Amino acid sequence: MLAERSKRKRLLLIGFESIGKTTLFSRWTQFGIGEETNVKGTTYTIRSHPIRRLDGWELVDTPGLRRGDEFSKRQLKKEVAKADHVMLVVRGTHFHEELEELLSIVSAVQADVSIAVTFVDKMAERAKALLENVQRQYHFPLF
């Protein structure tokens, strides 16, 4: 089992608290982790599970980042170093400041990176245009 796990590629989800990382984790892995809540800081540990319908990959859910929490940033940098792909999960309503903070953890040139945007339905058209500009600037796949 351990040997099988070590052969899998790791897709790491990182982002701030209460933005939907654990919801994505649950949906993509079909791994029930209990009732999901919208309470900040609900995820306390790093957990991984195989991605359903994507053989050879495991999804890694991480606790939400808090602004100014340097200890958590250092821990996330260690996880980024072990990841084959990093998905930055940002709220569409706060994407610019959240993306800036997350990019201080993940070097866009050294990691395979994509962006998942939550709360898109709450974004103004101007914010959506700015997000597309950021995507073009960094050449990140955008979900």
N, C-alpha and C. Protein backbone atom coordinates (compact mmCIF):
# COMPACT_ATOMS: atom_id res chain seq x y z
N MET A 1 0.82 -1.19 0.00
CA MET A 1 0.00 0.00 0.00
C MET A 1 0.87 1.26 0.00
N LEU A 2 1.91 1.27 0.85
CA LEU A 2 2.79 2.42 0.91
C LEU A 2 3.55 2.59 -0.40
N ALA A 3 4.01 1.50 -0.99
CA ALA A 3 4.72 1.57 -2.26
C ALA A 3 3.80 2.11 -3.35
N GLU A 4 2.55 1.66 -3.33
CA GLU A 4 1.58 2.14 -4.32
C GLU A 4 1.36 3.64 -4.15
N ARG A 5 1.25 4.09 -2.91
CA ARG A 5 1.03 5.50 -2.63
C ARG A 5 2.20 6.35 -3.11
N SER A 6 3.42 5.87 -2.91
CA SER A 6 4.59 6.66 -3.29
C SER A 6 4.74 6.81 -4.80
N LYS A 7 4.12 5.93 -5.57
CA LYS A 7 4.19 6.03 -7.03
C LYS A 7 3.23 7.07 -7.59
N ARG A 8 2.23 7.45 -6.82
CA ARG A 8 1.24 8.41 -7.31
C ARG A 8 1.82 9.81 -7.39
N LYS A 9 1.35 10.55 -8.37
CA LYS A 9 1.69 11.96 -8.45
C LYS A 9 0.78 12.71 -7.48
N ARG A 10 1.30 13.83 -6.97
CA ARG A 10 0.57 14.61 -5.96
C ARG A 10 0.07 15.93 -6.53
N LEU A 11 -1.25 16.13 -6.43
CA LEU A 11 -1.87 17.41 -6.79
C LEU A 11 -2.23 18.09 -5.47
N LEU A 12 -1.58 19.18 -5.18
CA LEU A 12 -1.72 19.88 -3.90
C LEU A 12 -2.68 21.05 -4.03
N LEU A 13 -3.66 21.12 -3.13
CA LEU A 13 -4.58 22.26 -3.06
C LEU A 13 -4.11 23.19 -1.96
N ILE A 14 -3.87 24.46 -2.30
CA ILE A 14 -3.54 25.44 -1.26
C ILE A 14 -4.39 26.69 -1.46
N GLY A 15 -4.68 27.35 -0.36
CA GLY A 15 -5.48 28.57 -0.39
C GLY A 15 -5.82 29.00 1.02
N PHE A 16 -6.57 30.08 1.10
CA PHE A 16 -6.97 30.61 2.40
C PHE A 16 -8.12 29.80 3.00
N GLU A 17 -8.49 30.14 4.22
CA GLU A 17 -9.57 29.43 4.92
C GLU A 17 -10.91 29.66 4.22
N SER A 18 -11.77 28.66 4.30
CA SER A 18 -13.17 28.75 3.88
C SER A 18 -13.36 29.19 2.43
N ILE A 19 -12.53 28.64 1.54
CA ILE A 19 -12.69 29.00 0.13
C ILE A 19 -13.11 27.82 -0.73
N GLY A 20 -13.17 26.62 -0.13
CA GLY A 20 -13.68 25.47 -0.88
C GLY A 20 -12.69 24.37 -1.20
N LYS A 21 -11.49 24.40 -0.61
CA LYS A 21 -10.50 23.35 -0.89
C LYS A 21 -11.01 21.97 -0.49
N THR A 22 -11.57 21.88 0.69
CA THR A 22 -12.05 20.58 1.18
C THR A 22 -13.25 20.10 0.37
N THR A 23 -14.08 21.01 -0.09
CA THR A 23 -15.20 20.63 -0.95
C THR A 23 -14.67 20.05 -2.26
N LEU A 24 -13.67 20.69 -2.85
CA LEU A 24 -13.05 20.15 -4.07
C LEU A 24 -12.46 18.77 -3.78
N PHE A 25 -11.75 18.65 -2.68
CA PHE A 25 -11.14 17.38 -2.28
C PHE A 25 -12.20 16.28 -2.21
N SER A 26 -13.29 16.55 -1.54
CA SER A 26 -14.36 15.56 -1.38
C SER A 26 -14.97 15.16 -2.71
N ARG A 27 -15.22 16.14 -3.56
CA ARG A 27 -15.86 15.86 -4.85
C ARG A 27 -14.94 15.07 -5.78
N TRP A 28 -13.68 15.45 -5.83
CA TRP A 28 -12.76 14.82 -6.77
C TRP A 28 -12.28 13.45 -6.33
N THR A 29 -12.31 13.20 -5.03
CA THR A 29 -11.84 11.90 -4.53
C THR A 29 -13.00 10.97 -4.17
N GLN A 30 -14.19 11.51 -4.05
CA GLN A 30 -15.35 10.76 -3.56
C GLN A 30 -15.05 10.16 -2.19
N PHE A 31 -14.23 10.84 -1.44
CA PHE A 31 -13.82 10.40 -0.11
C PHE A 31 -14.59 11.22 0.91
N GLY A 32 -15.51 10.57 1.61
CA GLY A 32 -16.31 11.27 2.61
C GLY A 32 -15.47 11.60 3.83
N ILE A 33 -15.37 12.86 4.13
CA ILE A 33 -14.57 13.27 5.28
C ILE A 33 -15.45 13.82 6.39
N GLY A 34 -16.72 13.53 6.33
CA GLY A 34 -17.64 14.05 7.32
C GLY A 34 -18.40 15.23 6.75
N GLU A 35 -19.30 15.73 7.52
CA GLU A 35 -20.12 16.84 7.06
C GLU A 35 -19.25 18.07 6.90
N GLU A 36 -19.34 18.69 5.74
CA GLU A 36 -18.56 19.89 5.50
C GLU A 36 -19.24 21.07 6.15
N THR A 37 -18.43 21.93 6.69
CA THR A 37 -18.97 23.12 7.33
C THR A 37 -18.32 24.34 6.73
N ASN A 38 -18.95 25.47 6.92
CA ASN A 38 -18.39 26.72 6.44
C ASN A 38 -17.81 27.47 7.64
N VAL A 39 -16.99 26.79 8.39
CA VAL A 39 -16.37 27.36 9.57
C VAL A 39 -14.88 27.49 9.31
N LYS A 40 -14.36 28.69 9.52
CA LYS A 40 -12.94 28.90 9.28
C LYS A 40 -12.10 27.95 10.11
N GLY A 41 -11.08 27.39 9.47
CA GLY A 41 -10.15 26.54 10.19
C GLY A 41 -10.65 25.14 10.46
N THR A 42 -11.62 24.66 9.70
CA THR A 42 -12.17 23.33 9.92
C THR A 42 -11.17 22.23 9.57
N THR A 43 -10.35 22.44 8.56
CA THR A 43 -9.33 21.46 8.18
C THR A 43 -8.07 21.73 9.00
N TYR A 44 -7.68 20.74 9.81
CA TYR A 44 -6.53 20.92 10.70
C TYR A 44 -5.29 20.17 10.23
N THR A 45 -5.47 19.15 9.41
CA THR A 45 -4.34 18.32 9.01
C THR A 45 -4.27 18.23 7.49
N ILE A 46 -3.10 17.85 7.02
CA ILE A 46 -2.91 17.58 5.60
C ILE A 46 -3.38 16.15 5.36
N ARG A 47 -4.23 15.96 4.37
CA ARG A 47 -4.72 14.61 4.06
C ARG A 47 -4.68 14.41 2.56
N SER A 48 -4.53 13.14 2.16
CA SER A 48 -4.48 12.83 0.74
C SER A 48 -5.32 11.59 0.46
N HIS A 49 -5.75 11.49 -0.79
CA HIS A 49 -6.57 10.36 -1.22
C HIS A 49 -6.47 10.29 -2.75
N PRO A 50 -6.54 9.09 -3.34
CA PRO A 50 -6.49 8.98 -4.80
C PRO A 50 -7.63 9.77 -5.45
N ILE A 51 -7.32 10.38 -6.58
CA ILE A 51 -8.34 11.12 -7.33
C ILE A 51 -9.15 10.13 -8.15
N ARG A 52 -10.43 10.18 -7.98
CA ARG A 52 -11.31 9.29 -8.74
C ARG A 52 -11.26 9.72 -10.20
N ARG A 53 -11.17 8.77 -11.08
CA ARG A 53 -11.15 8.98 -12.53
C ARG A 53 -9.87 9.65 -13.03
N LEU A 54 -8.82 9.63 -12.24
CA LEU A 54 -7.52 10.14 -12.71
C LEU A 54 -6.45 9.22 -12.12
N ASP A 55 -6.25 8.10 -12.80
CA ASP A 55 -5.32 7.08 -12.31
C ASP A 55 -3.92 7.65 -12.10
N GLY A 56 -3.30 7.20 -11.03
CA GLY A 56 -1.91 7.58 -10.76
C GLY A 56 -1.74 8.89 -10.03
N TRP A 57 -2.83 9.54 -9.66
CA TRP A 57 -2.75 10.82 -8.96
C TRP A 57 -3.46 10.74 -7.62
N GLU A 58 -2.92 11.48 -6.65
CA GLU A 58 -3.62 11.67 -5.38
C GLU A 58 -3.79 13.16 -5.15
N LEU A 59 -4.89 13.51 -4.52
CA LEU A 59 -5.19 14.90 -4.21
C LEU A 59 -4.83 15.14 -2.75
N VAL A 60 -4.18 16.26 -2.49
CA VAL A 60 -3.74 16.60 -1.14
C VAL A 60 -4.46 17.87 -0.69
N ASP A 61 -5.23 17.74 0.38
CA ASP A 61 -5.97 18.87 0.97
C ASP A 61 -5.15 19.43 2.12
N THR A 62 -5.06 20.74 2.20
CA THR A 62 -4.26 21.38 3.23
C THR A 62 -5.12 22.32 4.08
N PRO A 63 -4.70 22.58 5.31
CA PRO A 63 -5.42 23.58 6.12
C PRO A 63 -5.35 24.95 5.45
N GLY A 64 -6.38 25.75 5.67
CA GLY A 64 -6.42 27.09 5.08
C GLY A 64 -5.37 28.01 5.67
N LEU A 65 -4.81 28.81 4.80
CA LEU A 65 -3.80 29.78 5.20
C LEU A 65 -4.47 30.98 5.86
N ARG A 66 -3.79 31.55 6.83
CA ARG A 66 -4.24 32.79 7.47
C ARG A 66 -3.18 33.85 7.20
N ARG A 67 -3.63 35.05 6.94
CA ARG A 67 -2.68 36.14 6.68
C ARG A 67 -1.72 36.31 7.86
N GLY A 68 -0.44 36.44 7.52
CA GLY A 68 0.56 36.66 8.55
C GLY A 68 1.03 35.41 9.28
N ASP A 69 0.51 34.25 8.91
CA ASP A 69 0.89 33.01 9.59
C ASP A 69 2.12 32.41 8.91
N GLU A 70 3.28 32.81 9.37
CA GLU A 70 4.54 32.39 8.74
C GLU A 70 4.82 30.90 8.95
N PHE A 71 4.40 30.34 10.07
CA PHE A 71 4.60 28.91 10.31
C PHE A 71 3.87 28.09 9.25
N SER A 72 2.61 28.42 9.00
CA SER A 72 1.83 27.70 7.99
C SER A 72 2.44 27.86 6.60
N LYS A 73 2.94 29.05 6.30
CA LYS A 73 3.60 29.27 5.01
C LYS A 73 4.79 28.34 4.84
N ARG A 74 5.60 28.21 5.89
CA ARG A 74 6.77 27.32 5.81
C ARG A 74 6.33 25.87 5.59
N GLN A 75 5.27 25.45 6.29
CA GLN A 75 4.76 24.09 6.12
C GLN A 75 4.26 23.88 4.69
N LEU A 76 3.54 24.86 4.16
CA LEU A 76 3.03 24.73 2.79
C LEU A 76 4.17 24.68 1.77
N LYS A 77 5.24 25.44 2.01
CA LYS A 77 6.39 25.39 1.10
C LYS A 77 6.98 23.99 1.04
N LYS A 78 7.01 23.30 2.18
CA LYS A 78 7.51 21.92 2.20
C LYS A 78 6.60 21.01 1.38
N GLU A 79 5.29 21.21 1.49
CA GLU A 79 4.34 20.41 0.71
C GLU A 79 4.45 20.72 -0.78
N VAL A 80 4.65 21.98 -1.12
CA VAL A 80 4.82 22.37 -2.53
C VAL A 80 6.03 21.66 -3.12
N ALA A 81 7.10 21.55 -2.34
CA ALA A 81 8.31 20.88 -2.83
C ALA A 81 8.06 19.41 -3.15
N LYS A 82 7.08 18.78 -2.49
CA LYS A 82 6.77 17.37 -2.73
C LYS A 82 5.70 17.17 -3.80
N ALA A 83 5.10 18.26 -4.27
CA ALA A 83 3.96 18.16 -5.19
C ALA A 83 4.40 18.10 -6.65
N ASP A 84 3.63 17.38 -7.45
CA ASP A 84 3.84 17.37 -8.89
C ASP A 84 3.05 18.48 -9.57
N HIS A 85 1.98 18.91 -8.93
CA HIS A 85 1.16 20.01 -9.44
C HIS A 85 0.55 20.73 -8.24
N VAL A 86 0.51 22.05 -8.31
CA VAL A 86 -0.08 22.86 -7.24
C VAL A 86 -1.27 23.62 -7.81
N MET A 87 -2.42 23.47 -7.16
CA MET A 87 -3.60 24.24 -7.55
C MET A 87 -3.85 25.30 -6.49
N LEU A 88 -3.75 26.55 -6.92
CA LEU A 88 -4.02 27.67 -6.03
C LEU A 88 -5.52 27.91 -6.05
N VAL A 89 -6.17 27.77 -4.91
CA VAL A 89 -7.61 27.96 -4.83
C VAL A 89 -7.85 29.34 -4.23
N VAL A 90 -8.50 30.21 -5.02
CA VAL A 90 -8.74 31.59 -4.59
C VAL A 90 -10.22 31.93 -4.74
N ARG A 91 -10.68 32.84 -3.89
CA ARG A 91 -12.04 33.35 -4.03
C ARG A 91 -12.04 34.39 -5.14
N GLY A 92 -13.00 34.29 -6.03
CA GLY A 92 -13.10 35.26 -7.11
C GLY A 92 -13.25 36.68 -6.60
N THR A 93 -13.87 36.82 -5.45
CA THR A 93 -14.10 38.15 -4.88
C THR A 93 -12.85 38.75 -4.24
N HIS A 94 -11.83 37.96 -4.02
CA HIS A 94 -10.59 38.43 -3.39
C HIS A 94 -9.35 37.87 -4.10
N PHE A 95 -9.51 37.51 -5.36
CA PHE A 95 -8.45 36.75 -6.03
C PHE A 95 -7.12 37.47 -6.08
N HIS A 96 -7.13 38.79 -6.28
CA HIS A 96 -5.87 39.49 -6.49
C HIS A 96 -4.98 39.41 -5.25
N GLU A 97 -5.51 39.77 -4.09
CA GLU A 97 -4.70 39.72 -2.87
C GLU A 97 -4.38 38.29 -2.45
N GLU A 98 -5.32 37.37 -2.65
CA GLU A 98 -5.05 35.97 -2.28
C GLU A 98 -3.99 35.36 -3.20
N LEU A 99 -4.09 35.63 -4.49
CA LEU A 99 -3.12 35.10 -5.44
C LEU A 99 -1.72 35.64 -5.15
N GLU A 100 -1.64 36.91 -4.84
CA GLU A 100 -0.35 37.53 -4.51
C GLU A 100 0.30 36.81 -3.31
N GLU A 101 -0.49 36.55 -2.29
CA GLU A 101 0.02 35.87 -1.09
C GLU A 101 0.44 34.43 -1.41
N LEU A 102 -0.38 33.73 -2.19
CA LEU A 102 -0.07 32.33 -2.52
C LEU A 102 1.17 32.24 -3.42
N LEU A 103 1.35 33.21 -4.30
CA LEU A 103 2.53 33.19 -5.17
C LEU A 103 3.81 33.44 -4.38
N SER A 104 3.69 33.97 -3.16
CA SER A 104 4.89 34.12 -2.32
C SER A 104 5.31 32.76 -1.75
N ILE A 105 4.42 31.77 -1.84
CA ILE A 105 4.71 30.41 -1.37
C ILE A 105 5.15 29.53 -2.53
N VAL A 106 4.52 29.73 -3.67
CA VAL A 106 4.77 28.89 -4.86
C VAL A 106 5.46 29.73 -5.92
N SER A 107 6.61 29.31 -6.33
CA SER A 107 7.28 30.00 -7.43
C SER A 107 6.65 29.51 -8.74
N ALA A 108 6.12 30.44 -9.50
CA ALA A 108 5.44 30.09 -10.75
C ALA A 108 6.38 29.41 -11.74
N VAL A 109 7.66 29.69 -11.65
CA VAL A 109 8.60 29.09 -12.58
C VAL A 109 9.07 27.71 -12.17
N GLN A 110 9.02 27.39 -10.89
CA GLN A 110 9.55 26.10 -10.46
C GLN A 110 8.48 25.04 -10.26
N ALA A 111 7.22 25.40 -10.30
CA ALA A 111 6.17 24.42 -10.05
C ALA A 111 5.15 24.42 -11.18
N ASP A 112 4.52 23.29 -11.36
CA ASP A 112 3.40 23.16 -12.29
C ASP A 112 2.18 23.68 -11.54
N VAL A 113 1.64 24.82 -11.98
CA VAL A 113 0.63 25.54 -11.20
C VAL A 113 -0.62 25.79 -12.03
N SER A 114 -1.78 25.71 -11.36
CA SER A 114 -3.04 26.14 -11.96
C SER A 114 -3.81 26.91 -10.90
N ILE A 115 -4.88 27.58 -11.33
CA ILE A 115 -5.71 28.36 -10.41
C ILE A 115 -7.14 27.85 -10.49
N ALA A 116 -7.74 27.59 -9.33
CA ALA A 116 -9.17 27.29 -9.25
C ALA A 116 -9.83 28.48 -8.56
N VAL A 117 -10.87 29.00 -9.17
CA VAL A 117 -11.54 30.18 -8.63
C VAL A 117 -12.92 29.79 -8.10
N THR A 118 -13.16 30.10 -6.84
CA THR A 118 -14.47 29.86 -6.24
C THR A 118 -15.21 31.20 -6.14
N PHE A 119 -16.49 31.15 -5.87
CA PHE A 119 -17.33 32.34 -5.74
C PHE A 119 -17.36 33.18 -7.01
N VAL A 120 -17.20 32.54 -8.16
CA VAL A 120 -17.21 33.26 -9.44
C VAL A 120 -18.55 33.96 -9.64
N ASP A 121 -19.62 33.35 -9.15
CA ASP A 121 -20.95 33.94 -9.31
C ASP A 121 -21.09 35.27 -8.59
N LYS A 122 -20.20 35.58 -7.67
CA LYS A 122 -20.26 36.84 -6.94
C LYS A 122 -19.30 37.89 -7.50
N MET A 123 -18.59 37.55 -8.57
CA MET A 123 -17.61 38.47 -9.15
C MET A 123 -18.27 39.48 -10.08
N ALA A 124 -17.79 40.72 -10.03
CA ALA A 124 -18.22 41.74 -10.98
C ALA A 124 -17.52 41.47 -12.31
N GLU A 125 -18.07 41.97 -13.40
CA GLU A 125 -17.48 41.76 -14.72
C GLU A 125 -16.05 42.31 -14.79
N ARG A 126 -15.81 43.44 -14.16
CA ARG A 126 -14.46 44.03 -14.16
C ARG A 126 -13.48 43.08 -13.47
N ALA A 127 -13.89 42.49 -12.37
CA ALA A 127 -13.02 41.54 -11.65
C ALA A 127 -12.73 40.32 -12.52
N LYS A 128 -13.72 39.85 -13.27
CA LYS A 128 -13.51 38.70 -14.16
C LYS A 128 -12.49 39.04 -15.24
N ALA A 129 -12.56 40.26 -15.77
CA ALA A 129 -11.60 40.69 -16.79
C ALA A 129 -10.19 40.77 -16.19
N LEU A 130 -10.07 41.28 -14.97
CA LEU A 130 -8.77 41.34 -14.30
C LEU A 130 -8.21 39.94 -14.07
N LEU A 131 -9.07 39.01 -13.71
CA LEU A 131 -8.64 37.63 -13.50
C LEU A 131 -8.10 37.03 -14.79
N GLU A 132 -8.77 37.28 -15.89
CA GLU A 132 -8.29 36.78 -17.19
C GLU A 132 -6.93 37.38 -17.54
N ASN A 133 -6.72 38.65 -17.20
CA ASN A 133 -5.42 39.29 -17.44
C ASN A 133 -4.32 38.62 -16.62
N VAL A 134 -4.62 38.31 -15.37
CA VAL A 134 -3.65 37.63 -14.51
C VAL A 134 -3.33 36.25 -15.08
N GLN A 135 -4.35 35.56 -15.54
CA GLN A 135 -4.16 34.22 -16.13
C GLN A 135 -3.23 34.31 -17.34
N ARG A 136 -3.44 35.31 -18.18
CA ARG A 136 -2.57 35.47 -19.36
C ARG A 136 -1.14 35.84 -18.95
N GLN A 137 -1.02 36.66 -17.92
CA GLN A 137 0.30 37.09 -17.46
C GLN A 137 1.14 35.91 -16.98
N TYR A 138 0.53 35.02 -16.20
CA TYR A 138 1.26 33.90 -15.62
C TYR A 138 1.16 32.61 -16.42
N HIS A 139 0.28 32.58 -17.41
CA HIS A 139 0.06 31.38 -18.24
C HIS A 139 -0.41 30.19 -17.41
N PHE A 140 -1.19 30.45 -16.37
CA PHE A 140 -1.74 29.38 -15.54
C PHE A 140 -3.05 28.88 -16.14
N PRO A 141 -3.27 27.59 -16.16
CA PRO A 141 -4.63 27.11 -16.46
C PRO A 141 -5.57 27.64 -15.38
N LEU A 142 -6.76 28.01 -15.80
CA LEU A 142 -7.74 28.61 -14.90
C LEU A 142 -9.00 27.77 -14.87
N PHE A 143 -9.44 27.39 -13.67
CA PHE A 143 -10.65 26.58 -13.51
C PHE A 143 -11.67 27.33 -12.71
